Amino acid sequence: MRELDTLLLRYLEEAYDKAVAAEKKAFEDLLDWPDEDLWRGLILGLSTDKIVPQGLLTALRHGHSFNPP
């Protein structure tokens, strides 16, 4: 899923180094999520059984232009 790759790589390149330890850990945990959960939680903004800290969610979505159907 190109959109997920773009979203995660942009965060990694632009924000990861500046993030606090808890946000870095939360991001690293995201990488273990199944793609379907990532899509629902990050792209569509729907609830999942997993928790994403709001600060990380905001940082990931910053500048994100994908508009789900």
C-alpha atoms as a PDB file:
ATOM      1  CA  MET A   1       0.000   0.000   0.000  1.00  0.00           C
ATOM      2  CA  ARG A   2       1.828   2.981  -1.334  1.00  0.00           C
ATOM      3  CA  GLU A   3      -0.065   5.497   0.820  1.00  0.00           C
ATOM      4  CA  LEU A   4       0.996   3.732   4.021  1.00  0.00           C
ATOM      5  CA  ASP A   5       4.605   3.516   2.879  1.00  0.00           C
ATOM      6  CA  THR A   6       4.607   7.210   2.036  1.00  0.00           C
ATOM      7  CA  LEU A   7       3.017   8.161   5.352  1.00  0.00           C
ATOM      8  CA  LEU A   8       5.376   6.076   7.478  1.00  0.00           C
ATOM      9  CA  LEU A   9       8.527   6.948   5.547  1.00  0.00           C
ATOM     10  CA  ARG A  10       7.788  10.667   5.650  1.00  0.00           C
ATOM     11  CA  TYR A  11       7.366  10.508   9.426  1.00  0.00           C
ATOM     12  CA  LEU A  12      10.563   8.511   9.767  1.00  0.00           C
ATOM     13  CA  GLU A  13      12.540  10.975   7.666  1.00  0.00           C
ATOM     14  CA  GLU A  14      11.026  14.214   9.002  1.00  0.00           C
ATOM     15  CA  ALA A  15       9.916  13.664  12.587  1.00  0.00           C
ATOM     16  CA  TYR A  16      11.263  10.472  14.138  1.00  0.00           C
ATOM     17  CA  ASP A  17      14.620  11.917  15.236  1.00  0.00           C
ATOM     18  CA  LYS A  18      12.880  14.847  16.982  1.00  0.00           C
ATOM     19  CA  ALA A  19      10.261  12.690  18.721  1.00  0.00           C
ATOM     20  CA  VAL A  20      10.317  11.863  22.419  1.00  0.00           C
ATOM     21  CA  ALA A  21      11.081   8.282  23.450  1.00  0.00           C
ATOM     22  CA  ALA A  22       7.427   7.317  23.995  1.00  0.00           C
ATOM     23  CA  GLU A  23       6.452   8.535  20.514  1.00  0.00           C
ATOM     24  CA  LYS A  24       9.383   6.664  18.959  1.00  0.00           C
ATOM     25  CA  LYS A  25       8.302   3.491  20.735  1.00  0.00           C
ATOM     26  CA  ALA A  26       4.696   3.955  19.569  1.00  0.00           C
ATOM     27  CA  PHE A  27       5.898   4.422  15.983  1.00  0.00           C
ATOM     28  CA  GLU A  28       8.050   1.307  16.197  1.00  0.00           C
ATOM     29  CA  ASP A  29       5.030  -0.614  17.516  1.00  0.00           C
ATOM     30  CA  LEU A  30       2.993   0.557  14.504  1.00  0.00           C
ATOM     31  CA  LEU A  31       5.416  -1.211  12.211  1.00  0.00           C
ATOM     32  CA  ASP A  32       4.207  -4.545  13.617  1.00  0.00           C
ATOM     33  CA  TRP A  33       0.543  -3.822  12.871  1.00  0.00           C
ATOM     34  CA  PRO A  34      -1.149  -5.650   9.990  1.00  0.00           C
ATOM     35  CA  ASP A  35      -1.622  -3.428   6.927  1.00  0.00           C
ATOM     36  CA  GLU A  36      -5.406  -3.556   7.328  1.00  0.00           C
ATOM     37  CA  ASP A  37      -5.193  -2.057  10.831  1.00  0.00           C
ATOM     38  CA  LEU A  38      -2.753   0.610   9.647  1.00  0.00           C
ATOM     39  CA  TRP A  39      -5.080   1.512   6.779  1.00  0.00           C
ATOM     40  CA  ARG A  40      -8.144   1.709   9.037  1.00  0.00           C
ATOM     41  CA  GLY A  41      -6.424   3.614  11.823  1.00  0.00           C
ATOM     42  CA  LEU A  42      -4.093   5.947   9.953  1.00  0.00           C
ATOM     43  CA  ILE A  43      -5.611   6.549   6.542  1.00  0.00           C
ATOM     44  CA  LEU A  44      -9.334   6.159   7.180  1.00  0.00           C
ATOM     45  CA  GLY A  45      -9.228   7.401  10.779  1.00  0.00           C
ATOM     46  CA  LEU A  46     -11.439   4.549  11.951  1.00  0.00           C
ATOM     47  CA  SER A  47     -11.094   2.866  15.306  1.00  0.00           C
ATOM     48  CA  THR A  48      -9.037  -0.265  15.709  1.00  0.00           C
ATOM     49  CA  ASP A  49      -8.308  -2.420  18.712  1.00  0.00           C
ATOM     50  CA  LYS A  50      -4.875  -0.781  18.844  1.00  0.00           C
ATOM     51  CA  ILE A  51      -4.050   2.612  20.341  1.00  0.00           C
ATOM     52  CA  VAL A  52      -2.061   5.354  18.628  1.00  0.00           C
ATOM     53  CA  PRO A  53      -1.043   8.291  20.824  1.00  0.00           C
ATOM     54  CA  GLN A  54      -2.657  11.494  19.529  1.00  0.00           C
ATOM     55  CA  GLY A  55       0.696  13.262  19.129  1.00  0.00           C
ATOM     56  CA  LEU A  56       1.982  10.506  16.869  1.00  0.00           C
ATOM     57  CA  LEU A  57      -1.258  10.408  14.923  1.00  0.00           C
ATOM     58  CA  THR A  58      -1.060  14.156  14.322  1.00  0.00           C
ATOM     59  CA  ALA A  59       2.597  13.932  13.274  1.00  0.00           C
ATOM     60  CA  LEU A  60       1.871  11.069  10.878  1.00  0.00           C
ATOM     61  CA  ARG A  61      -1.048  12.857   9.252  1.00  0.00           C
ATOM     62  CA  HIS A  62       0.732  16.227   8.968  1.00  0.00           C
ATOM     63  CA  GLY A  63       0.656  17.220   5.318  1.00  0.00           C
ATOM     64  CA  HIS A  64      -1.147  14.030   4.343  1.00  0.00           C
ATOM     65  CA  SER A  65      -3.297  14.650   1.279  1.00  0.00           C
ATOM     66  CA  PHE A  66      -4.920  11.256   0.736  1.00  0.00           C
ATOM     67  CA  ASN A  67      -8.712  11.509   0.774  1.00  0.00           C
ATOM     68  CA  PRO A  68     -10.441   8.206   1.458  1.00  0.00           C
ATOM     69  CA  PRO A  69     -13.681   7.400  -0.374  1.00  0.00           C
END
